[in-house]
């Protein structure tokens, strides 16, 4: 993976400035240029200065998480937020279509396809929470879950292989975006298990969900070990990436939630109860560490600030799974407050072009 300089204002989700990267690639004859700009452009399109990598799906993830978290307390508001998430997803797809570049071969931006996977599944899950686990919402969730799971497995396994020789200096918390999706598949697959009648298909889907979770945790452990080694040898990184360290919360909170949801549909309650408390404690400890990094660095706004929504939201759902309702409420309030900050600033960044160039 090439060494890439990060711009403090426009780094996306802690990922280096995509647009200046593309500008440099277009003016050089580097191997990275052949891997990115020489990749196929979507049929009928010409690559444009507009750069919309798949990390933009983090907007859909975070907004869907807000809808899911407030569904019980404010169902009408939650439904409205879910509509916003769906519209945002459509706009991101349009932007990616206009961009026309394929980022799958890029050593940094390929991890963002995990965000696309999680956006699909979280949008489907929020639809169930806001509209009920039946009829059209259930069918939509099944479709989005299937697409998201397929893309998530491909991204998790593919990036694990393609990054196996990457220098530690270029490892970052955004790597987790590629390996967490199977855990989201396990969590959001539980309603589909519940919808099936008792029998072989239900048992098979439940077993698949556990397999997704184990696979994801194994790949996540590898990334966490690399991140620990990177911090030990090279530090935390530039100020612009500090908010991205909150992404580490994602696999922690999501795995707690997954085991609880799977226990509700016939899985192991004992495993969920043994796993949840220590991992929740670890997540809270990491939340304090990451908050300290962010407060010390005071980074300017970038797409990485969306890590204040979905990853923190998974800790809220994990706390609720463990019966820590007060903690879950506090975290939910924090996620909603963060969304009320990052969503308008993202819209402003789109309108003035600062997040698109």
Protein backbone atom coordinates (compact mmCIF):
# COMPACT_ATOMS: atom_id res chain seq x y z
CA UNK A 1 0.00 0.00 0.00
CA UNK A 2 1.49 3.37 -0.95
CA UNK A 3 2.22 6.05 1.61
CA UNK A 4 -0.52 8.69 1.32
CA UNK A 5 -0.64 12.07 3.00
CA UNK A 6 -3.79 12.90 4.93
CA UNK A 7 -5.46 16.30 4.67
CA UNK A 8 -6.98 17.35 8.04
CA UNK A 9 -10.14 18.86 6.56
CA UNK A 10 -11.40 16.38 4.02
CA UNK A 11 -10.12 12.99 5.15
CA UNK A 12 -13.04 10.61 4.78
CA UNK A 13 -13.63 8.36 7.79
CA UNK A 14 -9.96 8.64 8.66
CA UNK A 15 -9.12 7.57 5.13
CA UNK A 16 -6.70 9.83 3.29
CA UNK A 17 -8.00 12.67 1.14
CA UNK A 18 -9.53 10.77 -1.76
CA UNK A 19 -9.72 13.67 -4.16
CA UNK A 20 -6.15 14.90 -3.83
CA UNK A 21 -5.07 11.27 -4.09
CA UNK A 22 -6.87 10.93 -7.40
CA UNK A 23 -5.35 14.20 -8.63
CA UNK A 24 -1.86 12.92 -7.85
CA UNK A 25 -2.53 9.57 -9.46
CA UNK A 26 -3.78 11.20 -12.65
CA UNK A 27 -0.51 13.16 -12.94
CA UNK A 28 1.86 10.24 -12.28
CA UNK A 29 2.67 6.82 -13.62
CA UNK A 30 2.58 4.95 -10.31
CA UNK A 31 1.58 1.29 -9.79
CA UNK A 32 -1.30 2.56 -7.65
CA UNK A 33 -2.59 4.54 -10.63
CA UNK A 34 -2.83 1.36 -12.66
CA UNK A 35 -4.73 -0.33 -9.83
CA UNK A 36 -7.28 2.47 -9.38
CA UNK A 37 -7.65 4.69 -12.42
CA UNK A 38 -7.04 1.88 -14.87
CA UNK A 39 -9.76 -0.19 -13.27
CA UNK A 40 -12.93 -0.54 -15.32
CA UNK A 41 -15.30 2.40 -15.23
CA UNK A 42 -18.99 1.59 -14.99
CA UNK A 43 -20.41 0.96 -18.49
CA UNK A 44 -21.32 4.15 -20.30
CA UNK A 45 -19.56 6.42 -17.79
CA UNK A 46 -16.40 8.48 -17.82
CA UNK A 47 -14.50 8.98 -14.56
CA UNK A 48 -15.19 12.52 -13.29
CA UNK A 49 -13.56 14.87 -10.75
CA UNK A 50 -16.44 14.00 -8.43
CA UNK A 51 -15.06 11.38 -6.04
CA UNK A 52 -17.64 9.31 -4.14
CA UNK A 53 -15.97 6.22 -2.67
CA UNK A 54 -18.09 3.62 -0.87
CA UNK A 55 -17.13 5.03 2.53
CA UNK A 56 -20.03 7.43 1.93
CA UNK A 57 -22.32 4.57 2.94
CA UNK A 58 -21.31 5.34 6.53
CA UNK A 59 -23.93 8.10 6.31
CA UNK A 60 -26.61 5.45 5.71
CA UNK A 61 -25.23 3.26 8.50
CA UNK A 62 -25.29 6.05 11.06
CA UNK A 63 -28.72 7.34 10.11
CA UNK A 64 -30.20 3.83 10.16
CA UNK A 65 -28.70 3.30 13.60
CA UNK A 66 -30.43 6.43 14.90
CA UNK A 67 -33.76 5.19 13.53
CA UNK A 68 -33.26 1.81 15.17
CA UNK A 69 -32.26 3.27 18.55
CA UNK A 70 -35.26 5.60 18.86
CA UNK A 71 -37.86 3.26 17.32
CA UNK A 72 -39.44 2.27 20.64
CA UNK A 73 -39.41 5.70 22.28
CA UNK A 74 -40.37 7.79 19.25
CA UNK A 75 -41.76 5.59 16.45
CA UNK A 76 -42.91 8.45 14.21
CA UNK A 77 -39.55 10.18 14.46
CA UNK A 78 -37.78 6.89 13.86
CA UNK A 79 -39.78 6.26 10.69
CA UNK A 80 -38.89 9.74 9.41
CA UNK A 81 -35.21 9.14 10.13
CA UNK A 82 -35.42 5.77 8.35
CA UNK A 83 -36.80 7.54 5.26
CA UNK A 84 -33.85 9.94 5.44
CA UNK A 85 -31.49 6.94 5.56
CA UNK A 86 -33.16 5.37 2.54
CA UNK A 87 -32.96 8.61 0.57
CA UNK A 88 -29.32 9.04 1.58
CA UNK A 89 -28.60 5.53 0.33
CA UNK A 90 -30.15 6.35 -3.01
CA UNK A 91 -28.14 9.55 -3.31
CA UNK A 92 -24.90 7.74 -2.49
CA UNK A 93 -25.65 5.18 -5.18
CA UNK A 94 -26.25 8.00 -7.67
CA UNK A 95 -22.98 9.65 -6.63
CA UNK A 96 -21.05 6.40 -7.05
CA UNK A 97 -22.66 5.95 -10.46
CA UNK A 98 -21.61 9.45 -11.53
CA UNK A 99 -18.11 8.93 -10.13
CA UNK A 100 -17.79 5.75 -12.15
CA UNK A 101 -14.55 4.56 -10.56
CA UNK A 102 -14.07 1.06 -9.19
CA UNK A 103 -12.26 1.20 -5.84
CA UNK A 104 -12.14 -2.54 -5.18
CA UNK A 105 -8.50 -2.79 -6.18
CA UNK A 106 -7.41 0.21 -4.16
CA UNK A 107 -5.34 -0.62 -1.05
CA UNK A 108 -7.09 1.98 1.13
CA UNK A 109 -10.53 2.68 -0.29
CA UNK A 110 -11.49 -0.96 -0.87
CA UNK A 111 -12.25 -1.27 2.85
CA UNK A 112 -15.17 1.10 2.32
CA UNK A 113 -17.14 -1.59 0.53
CA UNK A 114 -17.73 -3.04 3.97
CA UNK A 115 -19.66 0.15 4.74
CA UNK A 116 -21.87 -0.54 1.72
CA UNK A 117 -22.61 -4.00 3.07
CA UNK A 118 -23.44 -2.76 6.55
CA UNK A 119 -25.53 0.11 5.18
CA UNK A 120 -27.78 -2.35 3.33
CA UNK A 121 -28.30 -4.57 6.37
CA UNK A 122 -28.73 -1.74 8.88
CA UNK A 123 -31.27 -0.05 6.60
CA UNK A 124 -33.25 -3.28 6.43
CA UNK A 125 -33.06 -3.80 10.19
CA UNK A 126 -34.17 -0.22 10.87
CA UNK A 127 -37.08 -0.81 8.51
CA UNK A 128 -38.20 -3.72 10.66
CA UNK A 129 -37.82 -1.66 13.84
CA UNK A 130 -39.88 1.21 12.47
CA UNK A 131 -42.52 -0.67 10.47
CA UNK A 132 -42.78 -4.12 12.03
CA UNK A 133 -41.23 -7.53 11.23
CA UNK A 134 -43.80 -8.59 8.67
CA UNK A 135 -44.96 -8.07 5.11
CA UNK A 136 -43.06 -5.68 2.88
CA UNK A 137 -40.54 -4.54 5.54
CA UNK A 138 -39.59 -8.16 6.20
CA UNK A 139 -39.23 -8.87 2.47
CA UNK A 140 -37.12 -5.74 1.99
CA UNK A 141 -34.95 -6.73 4.92
CA UNK A 142 -34.46 -10.23 3.52
CA UNK A 143 -33.32 -8.80 0.18
CA UNK A 144 -31.01 -6.22 1.73
CA UNK A 145 -29.63 -8.79 4.18
CA UNK A 146 -28.85 -11.22 1.39
CA UNK A 147 -27.10 -8.57 -0.71
CA UNK A 148 -25.28 -7.13 2.29
CA UNK A 149 -24.15 -10.53 3.54
CA UNK A 150 -22.78 -11.55 0.15
CA UNK A 151 -20.90 -8.27 -0.27
CA UNK A 152 -19.73 -8.34 3.35
CA UNK A 153 -18.26 -11.83 3.12
CA UNK A 154 -16.54 -10.99 -0.16
CA UNK A 155 -15.11 -7.79 1.30
CA UNK A 156 -14.00 -9.38 4.57
CA UNK A 157 -12.23 -12.30 2.94
CA UNK A 158 -10.94 -10.33 -0.02
CA UNK A 159 -9.38 -7.48 1.92
CA UNK A 160 -7.88 -9.85 4.47
CA UNK A 161 -6.04 -11.56 1.63
CA UNK A 162 -5.09 -8.40 -0.28
CA UNK A 163 -3.69 -6.62 2.79
CA UNK A 164 -1.65 -9.51 4.14
CA UNK A 165 1.68 -7.80 3.31
CA UNK A 166 0.72 -4.21 4.07
CA UNK A 167 3.26 -2.21 6.14
CA UNK A 168 2.16 -1.32 9.67
CA UNK A 169 2.53 2.39 8.91
CA UNK A 170 -0.47 2.13 6.61
CA UNK A 171 -2.78 0.09 8.84
CA UNK A 172 -5.68 2.13 10.22
CA UNK A 173 -8.94 1.67 12.12
CA UNK A 174 -10.90 1.91 8.86
CA UNK A 175 -9.65 -1.64 8.15
CA UNK A 176 -12.37 -2.81 10.53
CA UNK A 177 -15.03 -1.61 8.09
CA UNK A 178 -14.17 -4.56 5.87
CA UNK A 179 -14.26 -7.31 8.51
CA UNK A 180 -17.20 -6.32 10.73
CA UNK A 181 -20.01 -6.92 8.15
CA UNK A 182 -20.40 -10.66 8.91
CA UNK A 183 -21.08 -9.73 12.55
CA UNK A 184 -23.80 -7.37 11.32
CA UNK A 185 -25.10 -10.28 9.22
CA UNK A 186 -25.35 -12.37 12.38
CA UNK A 187 -27.21 -9.63 14.24
CA UNK A 188 -29.62 -8.71 11.46
CA UNK A 189 -30.09 -12.32 10.44
CA UNK A 190 -31.86 -13.09 13.71
CA UNK A 191 -35.22 -11.60 12.57
CA UNK A 192 -35.06 -13.80 9.48
CA UNK A 193 -34.46 -16.85 11.67
CA UNK A 194 -37.46 -15.81 13.76
CA UNK A 195 -39.61 -15.54 10.63
CA UNK A 196 -38.90 -19.13 9.56
CA UNK A 197 -40.93 -22.07 10.88
CA UNK A 198 -39.23 -24.61 13.10
CA UNK A 199 -37.26 -27.09 11.06
CA UNK A 200 -34.15 -27.56 9.00
CA UNK A 201 -34.08 -24.18 7.26
CA UNK A 202 -34.39 -22.28 10.52
CA UNK A 203 -31.65 -24.34 12.14
CA UNK A 204 -29.41 -23.92 9.10
CA UNK A 205 -29.82 -20.13 9.03
CA UNK A 206 -29.14 -19.90 12.76
CA UNK A 207 -25.97 -21.96 12.28
CA UNK A 208 -24.93 -19.70 9.40
CA UNK A 209 -25.36 -16.64 11.58
CA UNK A 210 -23.07 -18.12 14.21
CA UNK A 211 -20.59 -19.01 11.47
CA UNK A 212 -20.67 -15.41 10.22
CA UNK A 213 -20.03 -14.15 13.74
CA UNK A 214 -17.09 -16.48 14.37
CA UNK A 215 -15.55 -15.65 10.99
CA UNK A 216 -15.88 -11.93 11.59
CA UNK A 217 -14.44 -12.09 15.10
CA UNK A 218 -11.44 -14.07 13.85
CA UNK A 219 -10.74 -11.54 11.11
CA UNK A 220 -11.35 -8.68 13.52
CA UNK A 221 -8.84 -10.12 15.98
CA UNK A 222 -6.21 -10.02 13.23
CA UNK A 223 -6.95 -6.37 12.47
CA UNK A 224 -6.96 -5.40 16.15
CA UNK A 225 -3.57 -7.06 16.60
CA UNK A 226 -2.22 -5.10 13.63
CA UNK A 227 -3.67 -1.87 15.01
CA UNK A 228 -2.05 -2.50 18.40
CA UNK A 229 1.30 -3.12 16.73
CA UNK A 230 0.87 0.00 14.60
CA UNK A 231 0.14 2.20 17.63
CA UNK A 232 3.03 0.73 19.58
CA UNK A 233 5.55 1.39 16.79
CA UNK A 234 4.18 4.39 14.92
CA UNK A 235 1.65 6.13 17.15
CA UNK A 236 -2.03 6.92 16.69
CA UNK A 237 -1.72 8.84 13.43
CA UNK A 238 -2.62 12.33 12.33
CA UNK A 239 -5.37 14.41 13.98
CA UNK A 240 -7.78 13.84 11.08
CA UNK A 241 -7.95 10.10 11.79
CA UNK A 242 -8.62 10.32 15.52
CA UNK A 243 -12.42 10.06 15.29
CA UNK A 244 -11.96 6.88 13.26
CA UNK A 245 -10.61 5.09 16.31
CA UNK A 246 -14.22 4.92 17.48
CA UNK A 247 -14.72 2.30 14.75
CA UNK A 248 -13.08 -0.16 17.15
CA UNK A 249 -16.32 -0.04 19.14
CA UNK A 250 -18.20 -1.57 16.21
CA UNK A 251 -17.11 -5.20 16.52
CA UNK A 252 -17.35 -5.03 20.32
CA UNK A 253 -20.89 -3.71 20.60
CA UNK A 254 -22.15 -5.52 17.53
CA UNK A 255 -20.93 -8.92 18.69
CA UNK A 256 -22.69 -8.49 22.06
CA UNK A 257 -25.89 -7.59 20.24
CA UNK A 258 -25.50 -10.48 17.80
CA UNK A 259 -25.17 -13.12 20.51
CA UNK A 260 -28.17 -11.71 22.37
CA UNK A 261 -30.36 -11.61 19.26
CA UNK A 262 -29.34 -15.12 18.27
CA UNK A 263 -30.11 -16.35 21.79
CA UNK A 264 -33.61 -14.91 21.38
CA UNK A 265 -34.23 -17.13 18.35
CA UNK A 266 -32.88 -20.41 19.68
CA UNK A 267 -29.17 -19.80 20.18
CA UNK A 268 -27.13 -20.06 23.35
CA UNK A 269 -28.26 -17.73 26.12
CA UNK A 270 -25.42 -18.90 28.36
CA UNK A 271 -22.85 -17.85 25.75
CA UNK A 272 -24.46 -14.44 25.36
CA UNK A 273 -24.49 -13.86 29.11
CA UNK A 274 -20.88 -14.97 29.55
CA UNK A 275 -19.58 -12.94 26.62
CA UNK A 276 -21.51 -9.72 27.06
CA UNK A 277 -20.40 -8.15 30.36
CA UNK A 278 -16.60 -8.27 29.86
CA UNK A 279 -16.84 -7.13 26.24
CA UNK A 280 -19.19 -4.32 27.21
CA UNK A 281 -16.70 -3.21 29.87
CA UNK A 282 -13.93 -3.29 27.26
CA UNK A 283 -16.08 -1.23 24.88
CA UNK A 284 -16.68 1.42 27.53
CA UNK A 285 -12.98 1.55 28.30
CA UNK A 286 -12.20 2.00 24.62
CA UNK A 287 -14.89 4.67 24.31
CA UNK A 288 -13.07 6.65 27.00
CA UNK A 289 -9.71 6.19 25.24
CA UNK A 290 -11.09 7.21 21.84
CA UNK A 291 -12.89 10.20 23.32
CA UNK A 292 -9.62 11.33 24.84
CA UNK A 293 -7.87 11.05 21.50
CA UNK A 294 -10.55 13.09 19.76
CA UNK A 295 -10.65 15.81 22.43
CA UNK A 296 -6.88 16.14 22.36
CA UNK A 297 -6.61 16.21 18.55
CA UNK A 298 -9.69 18.40 17.89
CA UNK A 299 -9.91 17.33 14.23
CA UNK A 300 -11.79 19.41 11.69
CA UNK A 301 -15.00 17.96 10.30
CA UNK A 302 -14.73 15.09 7.85
CA UNK A 303 -16.70 11.95 7.06
CA UNK A 304 -14.85 10.19 9.85
CA UNK A 305 -17.16 11.96 12.30
CA UNK A 306 -19.85 9.46 11.32
CA UNK A 307 -17.96 7.04 13.58
CA UNK A 308 -19.76 8.90 16.38
CA UNK A 309 -23.01 7.27 15.25
CA UNK A 310 -22.98 3.63 14.15
CA UNK A 311 -20.05 2.29 16.24
CA UNK A 312 -21.23 4.05 19.40
CA UNK A 313 -24.77 2.91 18.59
CA UNK A 314 -23.66 -0.71 18.65
CA UNK A 315 -22.49 -0.22 22.22
CA UNK A 316 -25.93 1.18 23.06
CA UNK A 317 -27.63 -1.90 21.59
CA UNK A 318 -25.13 -4.12 23.37
CA UNK A 319 -25.85 -2.40 26.68
CA UNK A 320 -29.58 -2.83 26.12
CA UNK A 321 -28.97 -6.52 25.41
CA UNK A 322 -27.26 -6.82 28.80
CA UNK A 323 -30.14 -5.10 30.58
CA UNK A 324 -28.13 -1.92 31.23
CA UNK A 325 -31.02 0.32 30.22
CA UNK A 326 -29.69 3.51 31.80
CA UNK A 327 -26.35 3.14 30.05
CA UNK A 328 -28.11 2.32 26.79
CA UNK A 329 -30.24 5.45 27.17
CA UNK A 330 -27.24 7.67 27.78
CA UNK A 331 -25.40 6.25 24.78
CA UNK A 332 -28.51 6.58 22.62
CA UNK A 333 -28.82 10.24 23.58
CA UNK A 334 -25.16 10.72 22.66
CA UNK A 335 -25.63 9.07 19.27
CA UNK A 336 -28.69 11.19 18.50
CA UNK A 337 -26.84 14.36 19.53
CA UNK A 338 -23.89 13.38 17.36
CA UNK A 339 -26.17 12.70 14.39
CA UNK A 340 -27.78 16.11 14.80
CA UNK A 341 -24.31 17.60 14.39
CA UNK A 342 -22.77 15.45 11.66
CA UNK A 343 -25.83 15.12 9.41
CA UNK A 344 -26.31 18.88 8.80
CA UNK A 345 -22.57 19.41 8.42
CA UNK A 346 -22.43 16.60 5.88
CA UNK A 347 -25.27 18.19 3.90
CA UNK A 348 -23.42 21.51 4.02
CA UNK A 349 -20.23 19.81 2.86
CA UNK A 350 -22.06 18.31 -0.09
CA UNK A 351 -23.74 21.57 -1.05
CA UNK A 352 -20.52 23.59 -0.97
CA UNK A 353 -18.53 20.72 -2.49
CA UNK A 354 -15.95 20.55 0.30
CA UNK A 355 -16.62 16.84 0.92
CA UNK A 356 -16.68 16.00 -2.78
CA UNK A 357 -13.35 17.38 -3.94
